[in-house]
PDB file of all heavy atoms in Angstrom:
ATOM      1  N   ILE A   1     146.748  83.803 136.435  1.00  0.00           N
ATOM      2  CA  ILE A   1     145.838  82.889 137.119  1.00  0.00           C
ATOM      3  C   ILE A   1     146.325  81.443 136.955  1.00  0.00           C
ATOM      4  O   ILE A   1     146.376  80.691 137.921  1.00  0.00           O
ATOM      5  CB  ILE A   1     144.413  83.058 136.561  1.00  0.00           C
ATOM      6  CG1 ILE A   1     143.858  84.369 136.923  1.00  0.00           C
ATOM      7  CG2 ILE A   1     143.507  81.888 137.126  1.00  0.00           C
ATOM      8  CD1 ILE A   1     142.581  84.809 136.143  1.00  0.00           C
ATOM      9  N   LEU A   2     146.755  81.094 135.746  1.00  0.00           N
ATOM     10  CA  LEU A   2     147.192  79.716 135.468  1.00  0.00           C
ATOM     11  C   LEU A   2     148.450  79.399 136.287  1.00  0.00           C
ATOM     12  O   LEU A   2     148.533  78.300 136.904  1.00  0.00           O
ATOM     13  CB  LEU A   2     147.459  79.578 133.976  1.00  0.00           C
ATOM     14  CG  LEU A   2     147.824  78.189 133.464  1.00  0.00           C
ATOM     15  CD1 LEU A   2     147.428  78.080 131.987  1.00  0.00           C
ATOM     16  CD2 LEU A   2     149.341  77.902 133.560  1.00  0.00           C
ATOM     17  N   VAL A   3     149.393  80.324 136.299  1.00  0.00           N
ATOM     18  CA  VAL A   3     150.659  80.043 137.043  1.00  0.00           C
ATOM     19  C   VAL A   3     150.379  79.951 138.555  1.00  0.00           C
ATOM     20  O   VAL A   3     150.893  79.047 139.230  1.00  0.00           O
ATOM     21  CB  VAL A   3     151.719  81.110 136.737  1.00  0.00           C
ATOM     22  CG1 VAL A   3     152.985  80.884 137.586  1.00  0.00           C
ATOM     23  CG2 VAL A   3     152.086  81.109 135.250  1.00  0.00           C
ATOM     24  N   LEU A   4     149.551  80.858 139.090  1.00  0.00           N
ATOM     25  CA  LEU A   4     149.220  80.794 140.488  1.00  0.00           C
ATOM     26  C   LEU A   4     148.588  79.429 140.824  1.00  0.00           C
ATOM     27  O   LEU A   4     149.016  78.763 141.769  1.00  0.00           O
ATOM     28  CB  LEU A   4     148.291  81.880 140.841  1.00  0.00           C
ATOM     29  CG  LEU A   4     147.689  81.861 142.291  1.00  0.00           C
ATOM     30  CD1 LEU A   4     148.786  82.085 143.347  1.00  0.00           C
ATOM     31  CD2 LEU A   4     146.568  82.916 142.492  1.00  0.00           C
ATOM     32  N   ALA A   5     147.607  79.012 140.041  1.00  0.00           N
ATOM     33  CA  ALA A   5     146.919  77.748 140.318  1.00  0.00           C
ATOM     34  C   ALA A   5     147.814  76.540 140.219  1.00  0.00           C
ATOM     35  O   ALA A   5     147.790  75.654 141.036  1.00  0.00           O
ATOM     36  CB  ALA A   5     145.686  77.575 139.385  1.00  0.00           C
ATOM     37  N   ASN A   6     148.718  76.553 139.226  1.00  0.00           N
ATOM     38  CA  ASN A   6     149.632  75.412 139.043  1.00  0.00           C
ATOM     39  C   ASN A   6     150.709  75.383 140.105  1.00  0.00           C
ATOM     40  O   ASN A   6     151.185  74.337 140.516  1.00  0.00           O
ATOM     41  CB  ASN A   6     150.255  75.466 137.651  1.00  0.00           C
ATOM     42  CG  ASN A   6     149.350  74.817 136.618  1.00  0.00           C
ATOM     43  OD1 ASN A   6     149.453  73.626 136.345  1.00  0.00           O
ATOM     44  ND2 ASN A   6     148.459  75.616 136.011  1.00  0.00           N
ATOM     45  N   SER A   7     151.153  76.580 140.564  1.00  0.00           N
ATOM     46  CA  SER A   7     152.204  76.610 141.564  1.00  0.00           C
ATOM     47  C   SER A   7     151.787  75.977 142.914  1.00  0.00           C
ATOM     48  O   SER A   7     152.655  75.535 143.661  1.00  0.00           O
ATOM     49  CB  SER A   7     152.646  78.102 141.840  1.00  0.00           C
ATOM     50  OG  SER A   7     151.660  78.744 142.584  1.00  0.00           O
ATOM     51  N   MET A   8     150.487  75.943 143.138  1.00  0.00           N
ATOM     52  CA  MET A   8     150.015  75.491 144.462  1.00  0.00           C
ATOM     53  C   MET A   8     149.987  73.981 144.591  1.00  0.00           C
ATOM     54  O   MET A   8     149.697  73.450 145.673  1.00  0.00           O
ATOM     55  CB  MET A   8     148.621  76.064 144.666  1.00  0.00           C
ATOM     56  CG  MET A   8     148.641  77.571 144.795  1.00  0.00           C
ATOM     57  SD  MET A   8     146.990  78.299 144.713  1.00  0.00           S
ATOM     58  CE  MET A   8     146.208  77.566 146.096  1.00  0.00           C
ATOM     59  N   GLN A   9     150.338  73.251 143.536  1.00  0.00           N
ATOM     60  CA  GLN A   9     150.319  71.791 143.648  1.00  0.00           C
ATOM     61  C   GLN A   9     151.514  71.199 144.385  1.00  0.00           C
ATOM     62  O   GLN A   9     151.467  70.036 144.804  1.00  0.00           O
ATOM     63  CB  GLN A   9     150.155  71.158 142.289  1.00  0.00           C
ATOM     64  CG  GLN A   9     151.384  71.323 141.402  1.00  0.00           C
ATOM     65  CD  GLN A   9     151.235  70.660 140.062  1.00  0.00           C
ATOM     66  OE1 GLN A   9     151.220  69.424 139.980  1.00  0.00           O
ATOM     67  NE2 GLN A   9     151.020  71.449 139.014  1.00  0.00           N
ATOM     68  N   ASP A  10     152.535  71.980 144.499  1.00  0.00           N
ATOM     69  CA  ASP A  10     153.848  71.451 144.969  1.00  0.00           C
ATOM     70  C   ASP A  10     154.558  72.520 145.769  1.00  0.00           C
ATOM     71  O   ASP A  10     154.731  73.638 145.339  1.00  0.00           O
ATOM     72  CB  ASP A  10     154.685  71.080 143.788  1.00  0.00           C
ATOM     73  CG  ASP A  10     156.045  70.485 144.139  1.00  0.00           C
ATOM     74  OD1 ASP A  10     156.067  69.346 144.573  1.00  0.00           O
ATOM     75  OD2 ASP A  10     157.027  71.265 144.041  1.00  0.00           O
ATOM     76  N   PRO A  11     154.965  72.225 147.070  1.00  0.00           N
ATOM     77  CA  PRO A  11     155.587  73.219 147.891  1.00  0.00           C
ATOM     78  C   PRO A  11     156.844  73.832 147.286  1.00  0.00           C
ATOM     79  O   PRO A  11     157.071  75.052 147.398  1.00  0.00           O
ATOM     80  CB  PRO A  11     155.956  72.482 149.189  1.00  0.00           C
ATOM     81  CG  PRO A  11     155.049  71.280 149.229  1.00  0.00           C
ATOM     82  CD  PRO A  11     154.803  70.948 147.787  1.00  0.00           C
ATOM     83  N   GLU A  12     157.678  73.039 146.663  1.00  0.00           N
ATOM     84  CA  GLU A  12     158.900  73.560 146.015  1.00  0.00           C
ATOM     85  C   GLU A  12     158.552  74.494 144.843  1.00  0.00           C
ATOM     86  O   GLU A  12     159.169  75.551 144.655  1.00  0.00           O
ATOM     87  CB  GLU A  12     159.799  72.441 145.563  1.00  0.00           C
ATOM     88  CG  GLU A  12     160.381  71.611 146.711  1.00  0.00           C
ATOM     89  CD  GLU A  12     161.372  70.558 146.209  1.00  0.00           C
ATOM     90  OE1 GLU A  12     161.706  70.517 144.976  1.00  0.00           O
ATOM     91  OE2 GLU A  12     161.786  69.700 147.025  1.00  0.00           O
ATOM     92  N   LEU A  13     157.574  74.074 144.035  1.00  0.00           N
ATOM     93  CA  LEU A  13     157.147  74.909 142.919  1.00  0.00           C
ATOM     94  C   LEU A  13     156.587  76.223 143.429  1.00  0.00           C
ATOM     95  O   LEU A  13     156.803  77.302 142.872  1.00  0.00           O
ATOM     96  CB  LEU A  13     156.121  74.148 142.115  1.00  0.00           C
ATOM     97  CG  LEU A  13     155.744  74.640 140.718  1.00  0.00           C
ATOM     98  CD1 LEU A  13     156.998  74.717 139.849  1.00  0.00           C
ATOM     99  CD2 LEU A  13     154.726  73.734 140.054  1.00  0.00           C
ATOM    100  N   ARG A  14     155.791  76.115 144.475  1.00  0.00           N
ATOM    101  CA  ARG A  14     155.185  77.348 145.120  1.00  0.00           C
ATOM    102  C   ARG A  14     156.267  78.313 145.618  1.00  0.00           C
ATOM    103  O   ARG A  14     156.236  79.475 145.361  1.00  0.00           O
ATOM    104  CB  ARG A  14     154.312  76.947 146.283  1.00  0.00           C
ATOM    105  CG  ARG A  14     153.570  78.070 146.945  1.00  0.00           C
ATOM    106  CD  ARG A  14     152.273  78.320 146.257  1.00  0.00           C
ATOM    107  NE  ARG A  14     151.451  79.273 146.995  1.00  0.00           N
ATOM    108  CZ  ARG A  14     151.050  80.423 146.562  1.00  0.00           C
ATOM    109  NH1 ARG A  14     151.403  80.824 145.327  1.00  0.00           N
ATOM    110  NH2 ARG A  14     150.266  81.210 147.228  1.00  0.00           N
ATOM    111  N   ALA A  15     157.292  77.760 146.283  1.00  0.00           N
ATOM    112  CA  ALA A  15     158.338  78.605 146.783  1.00  0.00           C
ATOM    113  C   ALA A  15     159.155  79.291 145.638  1.00  0.00           C
ATOM    114  O   ALA A  15     159.523  80.456 145.726  1.00  0.00           O
ATOM    115  CB  ALA A  15     159.299  77.779 147.683  1.00  0.00           C
ATOM    116  N   ALA A  16     159.436  78.528 144.608  1.00  0.00           N
ATOM    117  CA  ALA A  16     160.233  79.040 143.459  1.00  0.00           C
ATOM    118  C   ALA A  16     159.465  80.120 142.693  1.00  0.00           C
ATOM    119  O   ALA A  16     160.104  81.044 142.203  1.00  0.00           O
ATOM    120  CB  ALA A  16     160.574  77.889 142.538  1.00  0.00           C
ATOM    121  N   LEU A  17     158.182  80.050 142.677  1.00  0.00           N
ATOM    122  CA  LEU A  17     157.408  80.970 141.874  1.00  0.00           C
ATOM    123  C   LEU A  17     156.724  82.110 142.640  1.00  0.00           C
ATOM    124  O   LEU A  17     156.162  83.043 142.065  1.00  0.00           O
ATOM    125  CB  LEU A  17     156.293  80.232 141.106  1.00  0.00           C
ATOM    126  CG  LEU A  17     156.771  79.274 139.966  1.00  0.00           C
ATOM    127  CD1 LEU A  17     155.608  78.423 139.482  1.00  0.00           C
ATOM    128  CD2 LEU A  17     157.371  80.084 138.853  1.00  0.00           C
ATOM    129  N   ARG A  18     156.840  82.067 143.976  1.00  0.00           N
ATOM    130  CA  ARG A  18     156.193  83.030 144.826  1.00  0.00           C
ATOM    131  C   ARG A  18     156.586  84.463 144.434  1.00  0.00           C
ATOM    132  O   ARG A  18     155.714  85.390 144.268  1.00  0.00           O
ATOM    133  CB  ARG A  18     156.424  82.812 146.290  1.00  0.00           C
ATOM    134  CG  ARG A  18     155.698  83.775 147.213  1.00  0.00           C
ATOM    135  CD  ARG A  18     156.030  83.516 148.663  1.00  0.00           C
ATOM    136  NE  ARG A  18     155.558  82.186 149.104  1.00  0.00           N
ATOM    137  CZ  ARG A  18     154.324  81.995 149.525  1.00  0.00           C
ATOM    138  NH1 ARG A  18     153.460  82.989 149.632  1.00  0.00           N
ATOM    139  NH2 ARG A  18     153.957  80.780 149.923  1.00  0.00           N
ATOM    140  N   GLY A  19     157.900  84.767 144.322  1.00  0.00           N
ATOM    141  CA  GLY A  19     158.358  86.112 144.007  1.00  0.00           C
ATOM    142  C   GLY A  19     157.881  86.599 142.636  1.00  0.00           C
ATOM    143  O   GLY A  19     157.272  87.669 142.562  1.00  0.00           O
ATOM    144  N   PRO A  20     158.102  85.841 141.587  1.00  0.00           N
ATOM    145  CA  PRO A  20     157.614  86.262 140.252  1.00  0.00           C
ATOM    146  C   PRO A  20     156.094  86.413 140.203  1.00  0.00           C
ATOM    147  O   PRO A  20     155.585  87.318 139.511  1.00  0.00           O
ATOM    148  CB  PRO A  20     158.088  85.099 139.323  1.00  0.00           C
ATOM    149  CG  PRO A  20     159.271  84.577 139.986  1.00  0.00           C
ATOM    150  CD  PRO A  20     159.005  84.646 141.487  1.00  0.00           C
ATOM    151  N   ILE A  21     155.354  85.577 140.944  1.00  0.00           N
ATOM    152  CA  ILE A  21     153.906  85.709 140.961  1.00  0.00           C
ATOM    153  C   ILE A  21     153.516  87.040 141.608  1.00  0.00           C
ATOM    154  O   ILE A  21     152.642  87.765 141.116  1.00  0.00           O
ATOM    155  CB  ILE A  21     153.272  84.527 141.727  1.00  0.00           C
ATOM    156  CG1 ILE A  21     153.330  83.228 140.819  1.00  0.00           C
ATOM    157  CG2 ILE A  21     151.798  84.807 142.074  1.00  0.00           C
ATOM    158  CD1 ILE A  21     152.861  82.003 141.571  1.00  0.00           C
ATOM    159  N   ASP A  22     154.170  87.396 142.740  1.00  0.00           N
ATOM    160  CA  ASP A  22     153.824  88.680 143.425  1.00  0.00           C
ATOM    161  C   ASP A  22     154.169  89.864 142.552  1.00  0.00           C
ATOM    162  O   ASP A  22     153.422  90.829 142.507  1.00  0.00           O
ATOM    163  CB  ASP A  22     154.600  88.716 144.698  1.00  0.00           C
ATOM    164  CG  ASP A  22     154.066  87.756 145.799  1.00  0.00           C
ATOM    165  OD1 ASP A  22     152.982  87.215 145.563  1.00  0.00           O
ATOM    166  OD2 ASP A  22     154.737  87.531 146.793  1.00  0.00           O
ATOM    167  N   GLU A  23     155.302  89.794 141.874  1.00  0.00           N
ATOM    168  CA  GLU A  23     155.715  90.884 140.957  1.00  0.00           C
ATOM    169  C   GLU A  23     154.747  91.087 139.827  1.00  0.00           C
ATOM    170  O   GLU A  23     154.323  92.214 139.506  1.00  0.00           O
ATOM    171  CB  GLU A  23     157.089  90.661 140.440  1.00  0.00           C
ATOM    172  CG  GLU A  23     158.202  90.719 141.469  1.00  0.00           C
ATOM    173  CD  GLU A  23     159.531  90.239 140.958  1.00  0.00           C
ATOM    174  OE1 GLU A  23     159.628  89.922 139.720  1.00  0.00           O
ATOM    175  OE2 GLU A  23     160.484  90.068 141.750  1.00  0.00           O
ATOM    176  N   ALA A  24     154.307  89.965 139.241  1.00  0.00           N
ATOM    177  CA  ALA A  24     153.339  90.037 138.119  1.00  0.00           C
ATOM    178  C   ALA A  24     151.995  90.539 138.626  1.00  0.00           C
ATOM    179  O   ALA A  24     151.302  91.349 137.928  1.00  0.00           O
ATOM    180  CB  ALA A  24     153.203  88.690 137.485  1.00  0.00           C
ATOM    181  N   TYR A  25     151.599  90.143 139.813  1.00  0.00           N
ATOM    182  CA  TYR A  25     150.319  90.609 140.418  1.00  0.00           C
ATOM    183  C   TYR A  25     150.334  92.120 140.584  1.00  0.00           C
ATOM    184  O   TYR A  25     149.344  92.804 140.259  1.00  0.00           O
ATOM    185  CB  TYR A  25     150.070  89.944 141.709  1.00  0.00           C
ATOM    186  CG  TYR A  25     148.802  90.335 142.408  1.00  0.00           C
ATOM    187  CD1 TYR A  25     147.576  89.826 141.976  1.00  0.00           C
ATOM    188  CD2 TYR A  25     148.846  91.225 143.476  1.00  0.00           C
ATOM    189  CE1 TYR A  25     146.414  90.247 142.631  1.00  0.00           C
ATOM    190  CE2 TYR A  25     147.683  91.644 144.110  1.00  0.00           C
ATOM    191  CZ  TYR A  25     146.446  91.125 143.672  1.00  0.00           C
ATOM    192  OH  TYR A  25     145.293  91.550 144.301  1.00  0.00           O
ATOM    193  N   PHE A  26     151.418  92.650 141.008  1.00  0.00           N
ATOM    194  CA  PHE A  26     151.540  94.143 141.193  1.00  0.00           C
ATOM    195  C   PHE A  26     151.351  94.823 139.884  1.00  0.00           C
ATOM    196  O   PHE A  26     150.611  95.831 139.741  1.00  0.00           O
ATOM    197  CB  PHE A  26     152.875  94.527 141.841  1.00  0.00           C
ATOM    198  CG  PHE A  26     153.076  95.980 142.006  1.00  0.00           C
ATOM    199  CD1 PHE A  26     152.425  96.679 143.016  1.00  0.00           C
ATOM    200  CD2 PHE A  26     153.883  96.668 141.110  1.00  0.00           C
ATOM    201  CE1 PHE A  26     152.618  98.070 143.115  1.00  0.00           C
ATOM    202  CE2 PHE A  26     154.069  98.015 141.186  1.00  0.00           C
ATOM    203  CZ  PHE A  26     153.393  98.735 142.228  1.00  0.00           C
ATOM    204  N   ARG A  27     152.032  94.346 138.822  1.00  0.00           N
ATOM    205  CA  ARG A  27     151.902  94.959 137.531  1.00  0.00           C
ATOM    206  C   ARG A  27     150.475  94.881 136.991  1.00  0.00           C
ATOM    207  O   ARG A  27     149.926  95.866 136.492  1.00  0.00           O
ATOM    208  CB  ARG A  27     152.889  94.275 136.524  1.00  0.00           C
ATOM    209  CG  ARG A  27     154.348  94.470 136.792  1.00  0.00           C
ATOM    210  CD  ARG A  27     155.163  94.125 135.563  1.00  0.00           C
ATOM    211  NE  ARG A  27     154.879  92.809 135.066  1.00  0.00           N
ATOM    212  CZ  ARG A  27     155.494  91.692 135.461  1.00  0.00           C
ATOM    213  NH1 ARG A  27     156.447  91.794 136.426  1.00  0.00           N
ATOM    214  NH2 ARG A  27     155.215  90.544 134.946  1.00  0.00           N
ATOM    215  N   LEU A  28     149.856  93.708 137.140  1.00  0.00           N
ATOM    216  CA  LEU A  28     148.505  93.522 136.645  1.00  0.00           C
ATOM    217  C   LEU A  28     147.511  94.358 137.400  1.00  0.00           C
ATOM    218  O   LEU A  28     146.549  94.928 136.810  1.00  0.00           O
ATOM    219  CB  LEU A  28     148.146  92.042 136.674  1.00  0.00           C
ATOM    220  CG  LEU A  28     148.894  91.105 135.765  1.00  0.00           C
ATOM    221  CD1 LEU A  28     148.675  89.672 136.101  1.00  0.00           C
ATOM    222  CD2 LEU A  28     148.495  91.410 134.306  1.00  0.00           C
ATOM    223  N   SER A  29     147.672  94.449 138.725  1.00  0.00           N
ATOM    224  CA  SER A  29     146.765  95.251 139.501  1.00  0.00           C
ATOM    225  C   SER A  29     146.820  96.717 139.157  1.00  0.00           C
ATOM    226  O   SER A  29     145.849  97.471 139.258  1.00  0.00           O
ATOM    227  CB  SER A  29     147.041  95.046 141.001  1.00  0.00           C
ATOM    228  OG  SER A  29     146.855  93.727 141.348  1.00  0.00           O
ATOM    229  N   THR A  30     148.027  97.148 138.736  1.00  0.00           N
ATOM    230  CA  THR A  30     148.222  98.549 138.407  1.00  0.00           C
ATOM    231  C   THR A  30     147.604  98.924 137.072  1.00  0.00           C
ATOM    232  O   THR A  30     146.982  99.953 136.870  1.00  0.00           O
ATOM    233  CB  THR A  30     149.694  98.905 138.401  1.00  0.00           C
ATOM    234  OG1 THR A  30     150.242  98.596 139.701  1.00  0.00           O
ATOM    235  CG2 THR A  30     149.914 100.360 138.143  1.00  0.00           C
ATOM    236  N   THR A  31     147.863  98.016 136.053  1.00  0.00           N
ATOM    237  CA  THR A  31     147.422  98.317 134.695  1.00  0.00           C
ATOM    238  C   THR A  31     146.118  97.676 134.278  1.00  0.00           C
ATOM    239  O   THR A  31     145.388  98.130 133.416  1.00  0.00           O
ATOM    240  CB  THR A  31     148.516  97.895 133.685  1.00  0.00           C
ATOM    241  OG1 THR A  31     148.726  96.469 133.830  1.00  0.00           O
ATOM    242  CG2 THR A  31     149.826  98.606 133.989  1.00  0.00           C
ATOM    243  N   LEU A  32     145.785  96.544 134.897  1.00  0.00           N
ATOM    244  CA  LEU A  32     144.636  95.704 134.677  1.00  0.00           C
ATOM    245  C   LEU A  32     144.402  95.552 133.125  1.00  0.00           C
ATOM    246  O   LEU A  32     143.506  96.129 132.529  1.00  0.00           O
ATOM    247  CB  LEU A  32     143.334  96.268 135.273  1.00  0.00           C
ATOM    248  CG  LEU A  32     142.155  95.283 135.334  1.00  0.00           C
ATOM    249  CD1 LEU A  32     142.545  94.067 136.172  1.00  0.00           C
ATOM    250  CD2 LEU A  32     140.932  95.950 135.906  1.00  0.00           C
ATOM    251  N   PRO A  33     145.325  94.798 132.439  1.00  0.00           N
ATOM    252  CA  PRO A  33     145.165  94.619 131.033  1.00  0.00           C
ATOM    253  C   PRO A  33     143.904  93.831 130.661  1.00  0.00           C
ATOM    254  O   PRO A  33     143.296  93.237 131.512  1.00  0.00           O
ATOM    255  CB  PRO A  33     146.440  93.755 130.676  1.00  0.00           C
ATOM    256  CG  PRO A  33     146.761  93.044 131.937  1.00  0.00           C
ATOM    257  CD  PRO A  33     146.420  93.994 133.018  1.00  0.00           C
ATOM    258  N   GLU A  34     143.545  93.886 129.355  1.00  0.00           N
ATOM    259  CA  GLU A  34     142.326  93.207 128.929  1.00  0.00           C
ATOM    260  C   GLU A  34     142.514  91.692 129.026  1.00  0.00           C
ATOM    261  O   GLU A  34     143.627  91.196 128.902  1.00  0.00           O
ATOM    262  CB  GLU A  34     142.018  93.600 127.494  1.00  0.00           C
ATOM    263  CG  GLU A  34     141.596  95.042 127.331  1.00  0.00           C
ATOM    264  CD  GLU A  34     141.220  95.384 125.906  1.00  0.00           C
ATOM    265  OE1 GLU A  34     141.233  94.405 125.061  1.00  0.00           O
ATOM    266  OE2 GLU A  34     140.856  96.500 125.623  1.00  0.00           O
ATOM    267  N   GLY A  35     141.426  91.035 129.210  1.00  0.00           N
ATOM    268  CA  GLY A  35     141.432  89.572 129.259  1.00  0.00           C
ATOM    269  C   GLY A  35     140.085  89.065 128.908  1.00  0.00           C
ATOM    270  O   GLY A  35     139.143  89.809 128.709  1.00  0.00           O
ATOM    271  N   SER A  36     139.927  87.701 128.865  1.00  0.00           N
ATOM    272  CA  SER A  36     138.656  87.156 128.583  1.00  0.00           C
ATOM    273  C   SER A  36     137.711  87.474 129.706  1.00  0.00           C
ATOM    274  O   SER A  36     138.093  87.817 130.824  1.00  0.00           O
ATOM    275  CB  SER A  36     138.749  85.619 128.407  1.00  0.00           C
ATOM    276  OG  SER A  36     139.063  84.994 129.647  1.00  0.00           O
ATOM    277  N   GLU A  37     136.437  87.325 129.470  1.00  0.00           N
ATOM    278  CA  GLU A  37     135.431  87.584 130.488  1.00  0.00           C
ATOM    279  C   GLU A  37     135.642  86.698 131.733  1.00  0.00           C
ATOM    280  O   GLU A  37     135.558  87.142 132.885  1.00  0.00           O
ATOM    281  CB  GLU A  37     134.040  87.319 129.939  1.00  0.00           C
ATOM    282  CG  GLU A  37     132.883  87.618 130.888  1.00  0.00           C
ATOM    283  CD  GLU A  37     131.542  87.398 130.245  1.00  0.00           C
ATOM    284  OE1 GLU A  37     131.440  87.297 129.016  1.00  0.00           O
ATOM    285  OE2 GLU A  37     130.499  87.347 131.007  1.00  0.00           O
ATOM    286  N   ASP A  38     135.991  85.375 131.469  1.00  0.00           N
ATOM    287  CA  ASP A  38     136.244  84.494 132.580  1.00  0.00           C
ATOM    288  C   ASP A  38     137.490  84.932 133.380  1.00  0.00           C
ATOM    289  O   ASP A  38     137.449  84.951 134.640  1.00  0.00           O
ATOM    290  CB  ASP A  38     136.499  83.066 132.069  1.00  0.00           C
ATOM    291  CG  ASP A  38     135.273  82.350 131.586  1.00  0.00           C
ATOM    292  OD1 ASP A  38     134.170  82.812 131.985  1.00  0.00           O
ATOM    293  OD2 ASP A  38     135.375  81.343 130.852  1.00  0.00           O
ATOM    294  N   ASP A  39     138.523  85.316 132.714  1.00  0.00           N
ATOM    295  CA  ASP A  39     139.773  85.724 133.402  1.00  0.00           C
ATOM    296  C   ASP A  39     139.534  86.972 134.208  1.00  0.00           C
ATOM    297  O   ASP A  39     140.064  87.075 135.350  1.00  0.00           O
ATOM    298  CB  ASP A  39     140.930  85.944 132.374  1.00  0.00           C
ATOM    299  CG  ASP A  39     141.381  84.703 131.729  1.00  0.00           C
ATOM    300  OD1 ASP A  39     141.115  83.580 132.250  1.00  0.00           O
ATOM    301  OD2 ASP A  39     142.004  84.741 130.676  1.00  0.00           O
ATOM    302  N   VAL A  40     138.869  87.935 133.726  1.00  0.00           N
ATOM    303  CA  VAL A  40     138.599  89.175 134.455  1.00  0.00           C
ATOM    304  C   VAL A  40     137.800  88.863 135.697  1.00  0.00           C
ATOM    305  O   VAL A  40     138.018  89.336 136.795  1.00  0.00           O
ATOM    306  CB  VAL A  40     137.851  90.200 133.567  1.00  0.00           C
ATOM    307  CG1 VAL A  40     137.401  91.381 134.402  1.00  0.00           C
ATOM    308  CG2 VAL A  40     138.769  90.676 132.451  1.00  0.00           C
ATOM    309  N   ALA A  41     136.737  88.025 135.538  1.00  0.00           N
ATOM    310  CA  ALA A  41     135.927  87.668 136.687  1.00  0.00           C
ATOM    311  C   ALA A  41     136.743  86.926 137.754  1.00  0.00           C
ATOM    312  O   ALA A  41     136.630  87.259 138.990  1.00  0.00           O
ATOM    313  CB  ALA A  41     134.712  86.766 136.232  1.00  0.00           C
ATOM    314  N   VAL A  42     137.590  85.998 137.391  1.00  0.00           N
ATOM    315  CA  VAL A  42     138.377  85.283 138.318  1.00  0.00           C
ATOM    316  C   VAL A  42     139.407  86.180 139.080  1.00  0.00           C
ATOM    317  O   VAL A  42     139.559  86.112 140.253  1.00  0.00           O
ATOM    318  CB  VAL A  42     139.104  84.072 137.695  1.00  0.00           C
ATOM    319  CG1 VAL A  42     140.142  83.464 138.642  1.00  0.00           C
ATOM    320  CG2 VAL A  42     138.095  83.013 137.234  1.00  0.00           C
ATOM    321  N   PHE A  43     140.071  87.034 138.255  1.00  0.00           N
ATOM    322  CA  PHE A  43     141.064  87.924 138.828  1.00  0.00           C
ATOM    323  C   PHE A  43     140.421  88.929 139.793  1.00  0.00           C
ATOM    324  O   PHE A  43     140.971  89.157 140.887  1.00  0.00           O
ATOM    325  CB  PHE A  43     141.754  88.730 137.701  1.00  0.00           C
ATOM    326  CG  PHE A  43     142.928  89.515 138.147  1.00  0.00           C
ATOM    327  CD1 PHE A  43     144.155  88.880 138.428  1.00  0.00           C
ATOM    328  CD2 PHE A  43     142.873  90.919 138.315  1.00  0.00           C
ATOM    329  CE1 PHE A  43     145.257  89.578 138.854  1.00  0.00           C
ATOM    330  CE2 PHE A  43     143.996  91.614 138.744  1.00  0.00           C
ATOM    331  CZ  PHE A  43     145.165  90.973 139.002  1.00  0.00           C
TER     332      PHE A  43
END
């Protein structure tokens, strides 16, 4: 969540992180690891 939110402030940063963000999202959506109540709600 933090990396996604921070990547959006800058077009170059967004482009550089888009692939790794997508890959991590796939892993997290598959396994859904534990997180804080806030993080689970936002995700």
